Amino acid sequence: MRQLQCVLLSVAIAGLLAAPAAGQTRGRDSAKTIDDARERQLEWINLFDGHRAVTRPSRDAAIGFSIPTAVMEVAVTGGQRVEQGDLLIRGEDAEDLAEAKFQDARATTKLPVERAQADVDLAKLEFDRAKEAFAQEGLSPAEYQRSESRYRTTLIDLKLSELNQTLAALQASRAFARVDRYRLTAPFDGVVDVVTVDVGQSVQQGDPVIRVVNVDVLWIDVPVPTQESLSLDPAGGQKAWVLMPVLDKPMVFEGTVVEVAPTADAGGGARRVRVEIANPEQLPPGLNCWVRFNEPSEAWQSEHDGDVVGLTAIGGGEE
């Protein structure tokens, strides 16, 4: 029995000693796989021969309140898609909202104008009778003038009532504009990147509390040698080709030159060229990429066909 226990103990110890060795082997295999992938990416990048740059959102807004306030409602979360005008965050707007509703009630009521119109109708009726009586010498000139003056006064009062209603509508618009200062809405269609506040938190004027970006289209600001940039024409819809080594395969996008900086950096000898690409894969901005302004050669495409996502697009065919 003692001999059997010794044998089992020896086997267990041998297994424990062998386990780290197996783990180390797997670690070495994983590291080798990563190194091989990096080597392939470097090969793709070198053969592509483009200018290095970084992708960024085509629209990017860090938004804050224009006045100090306390956060009363957070209507969105990070990663949520929003449309232009959607409510993002609401501040403490109760007092200004009540004032706006009060001004709106004054602006929308028709009672002052209706009362003034009734006075006009009555004064006109009395003035018409006064004219008839005055024509038959049944009314003195002073009484006739008094009746005429009252009629004219009611016409002025009617115009004043209409003016006051117009002014009340402007006051209501201004009051609702003050309410809008407590409401942050999406400035464009996009995605909420990050929300940095919570309900009850006080914020100061101008503090960014939410960021909204549009990643359906990406921009790439490429530092291009000045001499090369002289041949680029954004007005002509000039094309560009963008290589992004992501995952286990690089991706190639066909983009468009949308802007060329009017000035060049004399020290660096480069000029900023903005390229725009569609992003149906929703790749995150901030990825390294390489950009060239003439189509990759057929030899390059045929050599990497099957290894690079999007080659059919840059070759002019359909995916």
C-alpha atoms as a PDB file:
ATOM      1  CA  MET A   1       0.000   0.000   0.000  1.00  0.00           C
ATOM      2  CA  ARG A   2       2.797   2.371   0.914  1.00  0.00           C
ATOM      3  CA  GLN A   3       4.511   1.597  -2.408  1.00  0.00           C
ATOM      4  CA  LEU A   4       1.292   2.437  -4.325  1.00  0.00           C
ATOM      5  CA  GLN A   5       0.977   5.796  -2.529  1.00  0.00           C
ATOM      6  CA  CYS A   6       4.591   6.633  -3.399  1.00  0.00           C
ATOM      7  CA  VAL A   7       3.953   5.866  -7.062  1.00  0.00           C
ATOM      8  CA  LEU A   8       0.827   8.056  -7.168  1.00  0.00           C
ATOM      9  CA  LEU A   9       2.680  10.900  -5.445  1.00  0.00           C
ATOM     10  CA  SER A  10       5.506  10.661  -7.979  1.00  0.00           C
ATOM     11  CA  VAL A  11       3.046  10.814 -10.868  1.00  0.00           C
ATOM     12  CA  ALA A  12       1.307  13.901  -9.393  1.00  0.00           C
ATOM     13  CA  ILE A  13       4.608  15.704  -8.887  1.00  0.00           C
ATOM     14  CA  ALA A  14       5.649  14.923 -12.437  1.00  0.00           C
ATOM     15  CA  GLY A  15       2.362  16.338 -13.719  1.00  0.00           C
ATOM     16  CA  LEU A  16       2.807  19.554 -11.770  1.00  0.00           C
ATOM     17  CA  LEU A  17       6.314  19.951 -13.109  1.00  0.00           C
ATOM     18  CA  ALA A  18       5.159  19.312 -16.671  1.00  0.00           C
ATOM     19  CA  ALA A  19       2.207  21.781 -16.540  1.00  0.00           C
ATOM     20  CA  PRO A  20       4.218  25.016 -16.596  1.00  0.00           C
ATOM     21  CA  ALA A  21       6.234  23.662 -19.456  1.00  0.00           C
ATOM     22  CA  ALA A  22       3.039  23.121 -21.484  1.00  0.00           C
ATOM     23  CA  GLY A  23       1.816  26.617 -20.573  1.00  0.00           C
ATOM     24  CA  GLN A  24       5.105  28.116 -21.619  1.00  0.00           C
ATOM     25  CA  THR A  25       4.824  26.281 -24.934  1.00  0.00           C
ATOM     26  CA  ARG A  26       1.372  27.709 -25.555  1.00  0.00           C
ATOM     27  CA  GLY A  27       2.651  31.186 -24.624  1.00  0.00           C
ATOM     28  CA  ARG A  28       5.532  30.865 -27.064  1.00  0.00           C
ATOM     29  CA  ASP A  29       3.149  29.684 -29.792  1.00  0.00           C
ATOM     30  CA  SER A  30       0.836  32.648 -29.146  1.00  0.00           C
ATOM     31  CA  ALA A  31       3.719  35.113 -29.177  1.00  0.00           C
ATOM     32  CA  LYS A  32       4.992  33.600 -32.414  1.00  0.00           C
ATOM     33  CA  THR A  33       1.523  33.967 -33.978  1.00  0.00           C
ATOM     34  CA  ILE A  34       1.412  37.640 -32.983  1.00  0.00           C
ATOM     35  CA  ASP A  35       4.911  38.227 -34.326  1.00  0.00           C
ATOM     36  CA  ASP A  36       3.999  36.526 -37.601  1.00  0.00           C
ATOM     37  CA  ALA A  37       0.903  38.742 -37.924  1.00  0.00           C
ATOM     38  CA  ARG A  38       2.991  41.846 -37.300  1.00  0.00           C
ATOM     39  CA  GLU A  39       5.483  40.784 -39.932  1.00  0.00           C
ATOM     40  CA  ARG A  40       2.679  40.287 -42.452  1.00  0.00           C
ATOM     41  CA  GLN A  41       1.270  43.712 -41.616  1.00  0.00           C
ATOM     42  CA  LEU A  42       4.670  45.342 -42.082  1.00  0.00           C
ATOM     43  CA  GLU A  43       4.992  43.585 -45.412  1.00  0.00           C
ATOM     44  CA  TRP A  44       1.575  44.860 -46.534  1.00  0.00           C
ATOM     45  CA  ILE A  45       2.404  48.392 -45.376  1.00  0.00           C
ATOM     46  CA  ASN A  46       5.794  48.489 -47.090  1.00  0.00           C
ATOM     47  CA  LEU A  47       4.413  47.179 -50.373  1.00  0.00           C
ATOM     48  CA  PHE A  48       1.407  49.530 -50.247  1.00  0.00           C
ATOM     49  CA  ASP A  49       3.803  52.508 -50.023  1.00  0.00           C
ATOM     50  CA  GLY A  50       1.488  55.195 -48.633  1.00  0.00           C
ATOM     51  CA  HIS A  51       1.657  58.184 -46.295  1.00  0.00           C
ATOM     52  CA  ARG A  52       1.027  57.366 -42.660  1.00  0.00           C
ATOM     53  CA  ALA A  53      -1.913  59.106 -40.951  1.00  0.00           C
ATOM     54  CA  VAL A  54      -4.685  58.508 -38.393  1.00  0.00           C
ATOM     55  CA  THR A  55      -8.439  58.265 -38.931  1.00  0.00           C
ATOM     56  CA  ARG A  56     -10.797  60.625 -37.102  1.00  0.00           C
ATOM     57  CA  PRO A  57     -14.566  61.213 -36.957  1.00  0.00           C
ATOM     58  CA  SER A  58     -15.966  63.336 -39.754  1.00  0.00           C
ATOM     59  CA  ARG A  59     -17.964  65.278 -37.145  1.00  0.00           C
ATOM     60  CA  ASP A  60     -16.948  65.668 -33.524  1.00  0.00           C
ATOM     61  CA  ALA A  61     -18.661  67.848 -30.901  1.00  0.00           C
ATOM     62  CA  ALA A  62     -17.800  68.156 -27.203  1.00  0.00           C
ATOM     63  CA  ILE A  63     -20.897  69.865 -25.801  1.00  0.00           C
ATOM     64  CA  GLY A  64     -21.504  71.817 -22.592  1.00  0.00           C
ATOM     65  CA  PHE A  65     -24.073  74.200 -21.109  1.00  0.00           C
ATOM     66  CA  SER A  66     -23.810  77.917 -21.838  1.00  0.00           C
ATOM     67  CA  ILE A  67     -24.773  78.701 -18.220  1.00  0.00           C
ATOM     68  CA  PRO A  68     -24.085  77.106 -14.813  1.00  0.00           C
ATOM     69  CA  THR A  69     -26.761  74.574 -13.877  1.00  0.00           C
ATOM     70  CA  ALA A  70     -27.497  71.262 -12.208  1.00  0.00           C
ATOM     71  CA  VAL A  71     -28.136  68.135 -14.276  1.00  0.00           C
ATOM     72  CA  MET A  72     -31.754  66.994 -13.997  1.00  0.00           C
ATOM     73  CA  GLU A  73     -31.884  64.345 -16.731  1.00  0.00           C
ATOM     74  CA  VAL A  74     -29.398  62.290 -18.753  1.00  0.00           C
ATOM     75  CA  ALA A  75     -31.354  60.886 -21.697  1.00  0.00           C
ATOM     76  CA  VAL A  76     -28.589  58.926 -23.475  1.00  0.00           C
ATOM     77  CA  THR A  77     -25.666  56.617 -22.773  1.00  0.00           C
ATOM     78  CA  GLY A  78     -22.297  56.094 -24.396  1.00  0.00           C
ATOM     79  CA  GLY A  79     -22.502  54.198 -27.677  1.00  0.00           C
ATOM     80  CA  GLN A  80     -26.117  55.199 -28.341  1.00  0.00           C
ATOM     81  CA  ARG A  81     -27.011  56.435 -31.815  1.00  0.00           C
ATOM     82  CA  VAL A  82     -28.815  59.777 -31.910  1.00  0.00           C
ATOM     83  CA  GLU A  83     -30.455  61.953 -34.539  1.00  0.00           C
ATOM     84  CA  GLN A  84     -30.084  65.689 -34.891  1.00  0.00           C
ATOM     85  CA  GLY A  85     -32.275  67.442 -32.326  1.00  0.00           C
ATOM     86  CA  ASP A  86     -32.585  64.505 -29.906  1.00  0.00           C
ATOM     87  CA  LEU A  87     -32.427  65.477 -26.225  1.00  0.00           C
ATOM     88  CA  LEU A  88     -29.121  64.463 -24.638  1.00  0.00           C
ATOM     89  CA  ILE A  89     -28.987  66.151 -21.219  1.00  0.00           C
ATOM     90  CA  ARG A  90     -31.400  68.503 -19.438  1.00  0.00           C
ATOM     91  CA  GLY A  91     -30.451  71.064 -16.807  1.00  0.00           C
ATOM     92  CA  GLU A  92     -32.514  72.661 -14.049  1.00  0.00           C
ATOM     93  CA  ASP A  93     -35.053  74.477 -16.218  1.00  0.00           C
ATOM     94  CA  ALA A  94     -38.210  74.504 -14.040  1.00  0.00           C
ATOM     95  CA  GLU A  95     -38.269  78.264 -13.318  1.00  0.00           C
ATOM     96  CA  ASP A  96     -37.532  79.353 -16.875  1.00  0.00           C
ATOM     97  CA  LEU A  97     -39.993  76.808 -18.258  1.00  0.00           C
ATOM     98  CA  ALA A  98     -42.775  78.200 -16.056  1.00  0.00           C
ATOM     99  CA  GLU A  99     -41.973  81.735 -17.244  1.00  0.00           C
ATOM    100  CA  ALA A 100     -42.017  80.574 -20.848  1.00  0.00           C
ATOM    101  CA  LYS A 101     -45.425  78.942 -20.430  1.00  0.00           C
ATOM    102  CA  PHE A 102     -46.740  82.137 -18.804  1.00  0.00           C
ATOM    103  CA  GLN A 103     -45.515  84.265 -21.718  1.00  0.00           C
ATOM    104  CA  ASP A 104     -46.891  81.754 -24.203  1.00  0.00           C
ATOM    105  CA  ALA A 105     -50.353  81.969 -22.589  1.00  0.00           C
ATOM    106  CA  ARG A 106     -50.278  85.761 -22.930  1.00  0.00           C
ATOM    107  CA  ALA A 107     -49.221  85.474 -26.551  1.00  0.00           C
ATOM    108  CA  THR A 108     -51.855  82.954 -27.583  1.00  0.00           C
ATOM    109  CA  THR A 109     -54.953  84.430 -25.922  1.00  0.00           C
ATOM    110  CA  LYS A 110     -57.257  86.382 -28.247  1.00  0.00           C
ATOM    111  CA  LEU A 111     -59.281  88.063 -25.500  1.00  0.00           C
ATOM    112  CA  PRO A 112     -57.618  91.540 -25.534  1.00  0.00           C
ATOM    113  CA  VAL A 113     -57.927  91.788 -29.313  1.00  0.00           C
ATOM    114  CA  GLU A 114     -61.522  90.545 -29.274  1.00  0.00           C
ATOM    115  CA  ARG A 115     -62.444  93.089 -26.601  1.00  0.00           C
ATOM    116  CA  ALA A 116     -60.807  95.903 -28.551  1.00  0.00           C
ATOM    117  CA  GLN A 117     -62.645  94.806 -31.693  1.00  0.00           C
ATOM    118  CA  ALA A 118     -65.955  94.860 -29.790  1.00  0.00           C
ATOM    119  CA  ASP A 119     -65.228  98.411 -28.667  1.00  0.00           C
ATOM    120  CA  VAL A 120     -64.515  99.387 -32.279  1.00  0.00           C
ATOM    121  CA  ASP A 121     -67.771  97.855 -33.483  1.00  0.00           C
ATOM    122  CA  LEU A 122     -69.781  99.686 -30.817  1.00  0.00           C
ATOM    123  CA  ALA A 123     -67.999 103.014 -31.393  1.00  0.00           C
ATOM    124  CA  LYS A 124     -68.557 102.719 -35.151  1.00  0.00           C
ATOM    125  CA  LEU A 125     -72.261 102.066 -34.646  1.00  0.00           C
ATOM    126  CA  GLU A 126     -72.568 105.119 -32.394  1.00  0.00           C
ATOM    127  CA  PHE A 127     -70.536 107.230 -34.804  1.00  0.00           C
ATOM    128  CA  ASP A 128     -72.746 106.226 -37.760  1.00  0.00           C
ATOM    129  CA  ARG A 129     -75.834 107.300 -35.785  1.00  0.00           C
ATOM    130  CA  ALA A 130     -74.111 110.532 -34.794  1.00  0.00           C
ATOM    131  CA  LYS A 131     -73.415 111.305 -38.453  1.00  0.00           C
ATOM    132  CA  GLU A 132     -77.068 110.813 -39.351  1.00  0.00           C
ATOM    133  CA  ALA A 133     -78.215 112.995 -36.453  1.00  0.00           C
ATOM    134  CA  PHE A 134     -75.661 115.672 -37.245  1.00  0.00           C
ATOM    135  CA  ALA A 135     -76.819 115.727 -40.895  1.00  0.00           C
ATOM    136  CA  GLN A 136     -80.375 116.380 -39.709  1.00  0.00           C
ATOM    137  CA  GLU A 137     -79.124 119.030 -37.285  1.00  0.00           C
ATOM    138  CA  GLY A 138     -80.161 116.863 -34.372  1.00  0.00           C
ATOM    139  CA  LEU A 139     -76.667 116.804 -32.878  1.00  0.00           C
ATOM    140  CA  SER A 140     -74.303 119.570 -31.930  1.00  0.00           C
ATOM    141  CA  PRO A 141     -70.866 119.832 -33.522  1.00  0.00           C
ATOM    142  CA  ALA A 142     -69.183 119.112 -30.168  1.00  0.00           C
ATOM    143  CA  GLU A 143     -71.166 115.896 -29.667  1.00  0.00           C
ATOM    144  CA  TYR A 144     -70.425 114.824 -33.241  1.00  0.00           C
ATOM    145  CA  GLN A 145     -66.669 115.383 -32.743  1.00  0.00           C
ATOM    146  CA  ARG A 146     -66.781 113.503 -29.439  1.00  0.00           C
ATOM    147  CA  SER A 147     -68.370 110.503 -31.152  1.00  0.00           C
ATOM    148  CA  GLU A 148     -65.832 110.614 -33.980  1.00  0.00           C
ATOM    149  CA  SER A 149     -62.932 110.881 -31.539  1.00  0.00           C
ATOM    150  CA  ARG A 150     -64.163 107.878 -29.558  1.00  0.00           C
ATOM    151  CA  TYR A 151     -64.371 105.806 -32.734  1.00  0.00           C
ATOM    152  CA  ARG A 152     -60.820 106.742 -33.756  1.00  0.00           C
ATOM    153  CA  THR A 153     -59.568 105.973 -30.247  1.00  0.00           C
ATOM    154  CA  THR A 154     -61.046 102.484 -30.347  1.00  0.00           C
ATOM    155  CA  LEU A 155     -59.266 101.862 -33.673  1.00  0.00           C
ATOM    156  CA  ILE A 156     -55.969 102.860 -32.042  1.00  0.00           C
ATOM    157  CA  ASP A 157     -56.715 100.605 -29.041  1.00  0.00           C
ATOM    158  CA  LEU A 158     -57.346  97.699 -31.417  1.00  0.00           C
ATOM    159  CA  LYS A 159     -53.971  98.229 -33.105  1.00  0.00           C
ATOM    160  CA  LEU A 160     -52.283  98.466 -29.685  1.00  0.00           C
ATOM    161  CA  SER A 161     -53.879  95.174 -28.621  1.00  0.00           C
ATOM    162  CA  GLU A 162     -52.599  93.497 -31.794  1.00  0.00           C
ATOM    163  CA  LEU A 163     -49.143  94.984 -31.205  1.00  0.00           C
ATOM    164  CA  ASN A 164     -49.120  93.808 -27.592  1.00  0.00           C
ATOM    165  CA  GLN A 165     -49.982  90.295 -28.727  1.00  0.00           C
ATOM    166  CA  THR A 166     -47.107  90.370 -31.213  1.00  0.00           C
ATOM    167  CA  LEU A 167     -44.739  91.577 -28.476  1.00  0.00           C
ATOM    168  CA  ALA A 168     -46.033  88.854 -26.142  1.00  0.00           C
ATOM    169  CA  ALA A 169     -45.232  86.246 -28.809  1.00  0.00           C
ATOM    170  CA  LEU A 170     -41.681  87.615 -29.020  1.00  0.00           C
ATOM    171  CA  GLN A 171     -41.407  87.513 -25.221  1.00  0.00           C
ATOM    172  CA  ALA A 172     -42.552  83.890 -25.276  1.00  0.00           C
ATOM    173  CA  SER A 173     -39.984  83.033 -27.949  1.00  0.00           C
ATOM    174  CA  ARG A 174     -37.254  84.639 -25.868  1.00  0.00           C
ATOM    175  CA  ALA A 175     -38.425  82.759 -22.766  1.00  0.00           C
ATOM    176  CA  PHE A 176     -38.365  79.422 -24.591  1.00  0.00           C
ATOM    177  CA  ALA A 177     -34.896  80.294 -25.907  1.00  0.00           C
ATOM    178  CA  ARG A 178     -33.778  80.662 -22.289  1.00  0.00           C
ATOM    179  CA  VAL A 179     -35.246  77.220 -21.583  1.00  0.00           C
ATOM    180  CA  ASP A 180     -33.255  75.806 -24.497  1.00  0.00           C
ATOM    181  CA  ARG A 181     -30.055  76.848 -22.733  1.00  0.00           C
ATOM    182  CA  TYR A 182     -30.783  74.116 -20.198  1.00  0.00           C
ATOM    183  CA  ARG A 183     -31.195  71.443 -22.854  1.00  0.00           C
ATOM    184  CA  LEU A 184     -28.351  69.881 -24.781  1.00  0.00           C
ATOM    185  CA  THR A 185     -29.496  68.308 -28.046  1.00  0.00           C
ATOM    186  CA  ALA A 186     -27.654  66.350 -30.716  1.00  0.00           C
ATOM    187  CA  PRO A 187     -26.107  68.799 -33.196  1.00  0.00           C
ATOM    188  CA  PHE A 188     -26.074  66.153 -35.950  1.00  0.00           C
ATOM    189  CA  ASP A 189     -26.811  62.477 -36.560  1.00  0.00           C
ATOM    190  CA  GLY A 190     -24.161  60.404 -34.848  1.00  0.00           C
ATOM    191  CA  VAL A 191     -23.154  58.324 -31.845  1.00  0.00           C
ATOM    192  CA  VAL A 192     -22.674  59.354 -28.210  1.00  0.00           C
ATOM    193  CA  ASP A 193     -19.027  58.778 -27.404  1.00  0.00           C
ATOM    194  CA  VAL A 194     -18.999  59.552 -23.683  1.00  0.00           C
ATOM    195  CA  VAL A 195     -21.176  61.175 -21.003  1.00  0.00           C
ATOM    196  CA  THR A 196     -19.171  62.713 -18.160  1.00  0.00           C
ATOM    197  CA  VAL A 197     -21.983  63.795 -15.775  1.00  0.00           C
ATOM    198  CA  ASP A 198     -24.822  62.237 -13.798  1.00  0.00           C
ATOM    199  CA  VAL A 199     -28.168  63.449 -12.463  1.00  0.00           C
ATOM    200  CA  GLY A 200     -27.766  65.937  -9.627  1.00  0.00           C
ATOM    201  CA  GLN A 201     -24.265  67.012 -10.582  1.00  0.00           C
ATOM    202  CA  SER A 202     -23.551  70.745 -10.826  1.00  0.00           C
ATOM    203  CA  VAL A 203     -21.709  71.931 -13.912  1.00  0.00           C
ATOM    204  CA  GLN A 204     -20.101  75.217 -14.822  1.00  0.00           C
ATOM    205  CA  GLN A 205     -20.537  77.260 -17.960  1.00  0.00           C
ATOM    206  CA  GLY A 206     -18.682  75.753 -20.894  1.00  0.00           C
ATOM    207  CA  ASP A 207     -17.652  72.508 -19.174  1.00  0.00           C
ATOM    208  CA  PRO A 208     -17.870  69.676 -21.763  1.00  0.00           C
ATOM    209  CA  VAL A 209     -20.344  67.104 -20.419  1.00  0.00           C
ATOM    210  CA  ILE A 210     -21.008  64.941 -23.488  1.00  0.00           C
ATOM    211  CA  ARG A 211     -19.286  64.116 -26.765  1.00  0.00           C
ATOM    212  CA  VAL A 212     -21.103  63.198 -29.980  1.00  0.00           C
ATOM    213  CA  VAL A 213     -19.281  61.925 -33.067  1.00  0.00           C
ATOM    214  CA  ASN A 214     -20.181  60.754 -36.542  1.00  0.00           C
ATOM    215  CA  VAL A 215     -18.218  57.673 -37.600  1.00  0.00           C
ATOM    216  CA  ASP A 216     -20.345  56.688 -40.606  1.00  0.00           C
ATOM    217  CA  VAL A 217     -17.814  58.754 -42.545  1.00  0.00           C
ATOM    218  CA  LEU A 218     -14.176  59.090 -41.461  1.00  0.00           C
ATOM    219  CA  TRP A 219     -11.704  61.862 -42.180  1.00  0.00           C
ATOM    220  CA  ILE A 220      -7.986  61.412 -42.555  1.00  0.00           C
ATOM    221  CA  ASP A 221      -5.666  64.422 -42.466  1.00  0.00           C
ATOM    222  CA  VAL A 222      -2.600  63.276 -44.383  1.00  0.00           C
ATOM    223  CA  PRO A 223       0.739  65.130 -44.265  1.00  0.00           C
ATOM    224  CA  VAL A 224       1.703  65.034 -47.940  1.00  0.00           C
ATOM    225  CA  PRO A 225       5.015  66.352 -49.315  1.00  0.00           C
ATOM    226  CA  THR A 226       4.351  69.799 -50.734  1.00  0.00           C
ATOM    227  CA  GLN A 227       5.456  68.944 -54.267  1.00  0.00           C
ATOM    228  CA  GLU A 228       3.173  65.911 -54.406  1.00  0.00           C
ATOM    229  CA  SER A 229       0.241  67.902 -52.999  1.00  0.00           C
ATOM    230  CA  LEU A 230       0.364  70.368 -55.910  1.00  0.00           C
ATOM    231  CA  SER A 231      -1.207  67.778 -58.202  1.00  0.00           C
ATOM    232  CA  LEU A 232      -4.149  67.087 -55.886  1.00  0.00           C
ATOM    233  CA  ASP A 233      -7.461  68.743 -56.720  1.00  0.00           C
ATOM    234  CA  PRO A 234     -10.361  68.371 -54.251  1.00  0.00           C
ATOM    235  CA  ALA A 235     -12.754  70.084 -56.667  1.00  0.00           C
ATOM    236  CA  GLY A 236     -12.262  67.288 -59.191  1.00  0.00           C
ATOM    237  CA  GLY A 237     -13.262  64.487 -56.817  1.00  0.00           C
ATOM    238  CA  GLN A 238      -9.759  63.024 -56.839  1.00  0.00           C
ATOM    239  CA  LYS A 239      -9.551  59.524 -55.402  1.00  0.00           C
ATOM    240  CA  ALA A 240      -7.326  58.178 -52.668  1.00  0.00           C
ATOM    241  CA  TRP A 241      -6.641  54.650 -51.411  1.00  0.00           C
ATOM    242  CA  VAL A 242      -6.420  53.915 -47.708  1.00  0.00           C
ATOM    243  CA  LEU A 243      -4.824  50.835 -46.128  1.00  0.00           C
ATOM    244  CA  MET A 244      -5.797  49.973 -42.542  1.00  0.00           C
ATOM    245  CA  PRO A 245      -4.134  46.879 -41.035  1.00  0.00           C
ATOM    246  CA  VAL A 246      -6.835  45.679 -38.641  1.00  0.00           C
ATOM    247  CA  LEU A 247      -7.591  42.250 -37.224  1.00  0.00           C
ATOM    248  CA  ASP A 248      -5.848  39.475 -39.143  1.00  0.00           C
ATOM    249  CA  LYS A 249      -6.255  41.152 -42.550  1.00  0.00           C
ATOM    250  CA  PRO A 250      -5.662  44.685 -43.739  1.00  0.00           C
ATOM    251  CA  MET A 251      -8.551  46.623 -45.246  1.00  0.00           C
ATOM    252  CA  VAL A 252      -8.318  48.896 -48.260  1.00  0.00           C
ATOM    253  CA  PHE A 253     -10.836  51.700 -48.772  1.00  0.00           C
ATOM    254  CA  GLU A 254     -11.359  53.947 -51.754  1.00  0.00           C
ATOM    255  CA  GLY A 255     -11.773  57.528 -50.573  1.00  0.00           C
ATOM    256  CA  THR A 256     -11.991  61.031 -51.943  1.00  0.00           C
ATOM    257  CA  VAL A 257      -9.798  64.096 -51.483  1.00  0.00           C
ATOM    258  CA  VAL A 258     -12.135  66.710 -49.980  1.00  0.00           C
ATOM    259  CA  GLU A 259      -9.699  69.402 -48.843  1.00  0.00           C
ATOM    260  CA  VAL A 260      -6.153  70.580 -49.456  1.00  0.00           C
ATOM    261  CA  ALA A 261      -4.686  73.079 -47.016  1.00  0.00           C
ATOM    262  CA  PRO A 262      -3.961  76.476 -48.592  1.00  0.00           C
ATOM    263  CA  THR A 263      -0.630  76.654 -46.729  1.00  0.00           C
ATOM    264  CA  ALA A 264       2.360  74.348 -46.401  1.00  0.00           C
ATOM    265  CA  ASP A 265       4.654  73.676 -43.452  1.00  0.00           C
ATOM    266  CA  ALA A 266       7.988  75.094 -44.565  1.00  0.00           C
ATOM    267  CA  GLY A 267       9.870  73.273 -41.810  1.00  0.00           C
ATOM    268  CA  GLY A 268       8.387  69.853 -42.454  1.00  0.00           C
ATOM    269  CA  GLY A 269       7.931  70.335 -46.189  1.00  0.00           C
ATOM    270  CA  ALA A 270       4.400  68.937 -46.021  1.00  0.00           C
ATOM    271  CA  ARG A 271       0.851  70.043 -46.659  1.00  0.00           C
ATOM    272  CA  ARG A 272      -2.346  68.775 -45.037  1.00  0.00           C
ATOM    273  CA  VAL A 273      -4.640  66.849 -47.367  1.00  0.00           C
ATOM    274  CA  ARG A 274      -7.999  65.661 -46.036  1.00  0.00           C
ATOM    275  CA  VAL A 275      -9.349  62.359 -47.341  1.00  0.00           C
ATOM    276  CA  GLU A 276     -12.890  61.144 -46.701  1.00  0.00           C
ATOM    277  CA  ILE A 277     -13.911  57.476 -46.645  1.00  0.00           C
ATOM    278  CA  ALA A 278     -17.192  55.707 -45.963  1.00  0.00           C
ATOM    279  CA  ASN A 279     -17.109  53.487 -42.891  1.00  0.00           C
ATOM    280  CA  PRO A 280     -19.821  50.826 -43.216  1.00  0.00           C
ATOM    281  CA  GLU A 281     -17.794  48.476 -40.981  1.00  0.00           C
ATOM    282  CA  GLN A 282     -18.002  51.090 -38.173  1.00  0.00           C
ATOM    283  CA  LEU A 283     -14.276  50.879 -37.499  1.00  0.00           C
ATOM    284  CA  PRO A 284     -13.347  53.086 -34.536  1.00  0.00           C
ATOM    285  CA  PRO A 285     -11.578  56.355 -35.348  1.00  0.00           C
ATOM    286  CA  GLY A 286      -8.003  56.666 -34.170  1.00  0.00           C
ATOM    287  CA  LEU A 287      -6.600  53.774 -36.199  1.00  0.00           C
ATOM    288  CA  ASN A 288      -3.287  54.114 -37.996  1.00  0.00           C
ATOM    289  CA  CYS A 289      -3.618  54.022 -41.760  1.00  0.00           C
ATOM    290  CA  TRP A 290      -1.583  54.589 -44.904  1.00  0.00           C
ATOM    291  CA  VAL A 291      -2.833  56.707 -47.797  1.00  0.00           C
ATOM    292  CA  ARG A 292      -1.775  56.905 -51.414  1.00  0.00           C
ATOM    293  CA  PHE A 293      -3.185  58.992 -54.255  1.00  0.00           C
ATOM    294  CA  ASN A 294      -2.732  56.607 -57.175  1.00  0.00           C
ATOM    295  CA  GLU A 295      -4.333  53.209 -57.452  1.00  0.00           C
ATOM    296  CA  PRO A 296      -2.266  50.251 -56.251  1.00  0.00           C
ATOM    297  CA  SER A 297      -0.793  48.374 -59.178  1.00  0.00           C
ATOM    298  CA  GLU A 298      -2.503  45.305 -60.591  1.00  0.00           C
ATOM    299  CA  ALA A 299       0.515  43.280 -59.537  1.00  0.00           C
ATOM    300  CA  TRP A 300       0.098  44.404 -55.932  1.00  0.00           C
ATOM    301  CA  GLN A 301      -3.616  43.672 -56.037  1.00  0.00           C
ATOM    302  CA  SER A 302      -3.233  40.245 -57.586  1.00  0.00           C
ATOM    303  CA  GLU A 303      -0.487  39.326 -55.139  1.00  0.00           C
ATOM    304  CA  HIS A 304      -2.632  40.270 -52.141  1.00  0.00           C
ATOM    305  CA  ASP A 305      -6.035  39.269 -53.504  1.00  0.00           C
ATOM    306  CA  GLY A 306      -7.694  37.217 -50.793  1.00  0.00           C
ATOM    307  CA  ASP A 307      -5.420  38.646 -48.115  1.00  0.00           C
ATOM    308  CA  VAL A 308      -6.798  42.197 -48.161  1.00  0.00           C
ATOM    309  CA  VAL A 309     -10.426  43.080 -47.519  1.00  0.00           C
ATOM    310  CA  GLY A 310     -11.863  45.506 -50.054  1.00  0.00           C
ATOM    311  CA  LEU A 311      -9.614  44.784 -53.043  1.00  0.00           C
ATOM    312  CA  THR A 312     -12.583  44.253 -55.342  1.00  0.00           C
ATOM    313  CA  ALA A 313     -13.764  47.761 -54.474  1.00  0.00           C
ATOM    314  CA  ILE A 314     -10.504  49.431 -55.346  1.00  0.00           C
ATOM    315  CA  GLY A 315     -10.249  47.366 -58.490  1.00  0.00           C
ATOM    316  CA  GLY A 316     -13.524  48.838 -59.703  1.00  0.00           C
ATOM    317  CA  GLY A 317     -15.644  45.684 -59.373  1.00  0.00           C
ATOM    318  CA  GLU A 318     -18.522  44.914 -57.075  1.00  0.00           C
ATOM    319  CA  GLU A 319     -18.108  43.235 -53.713  1.00  0.00           C
END
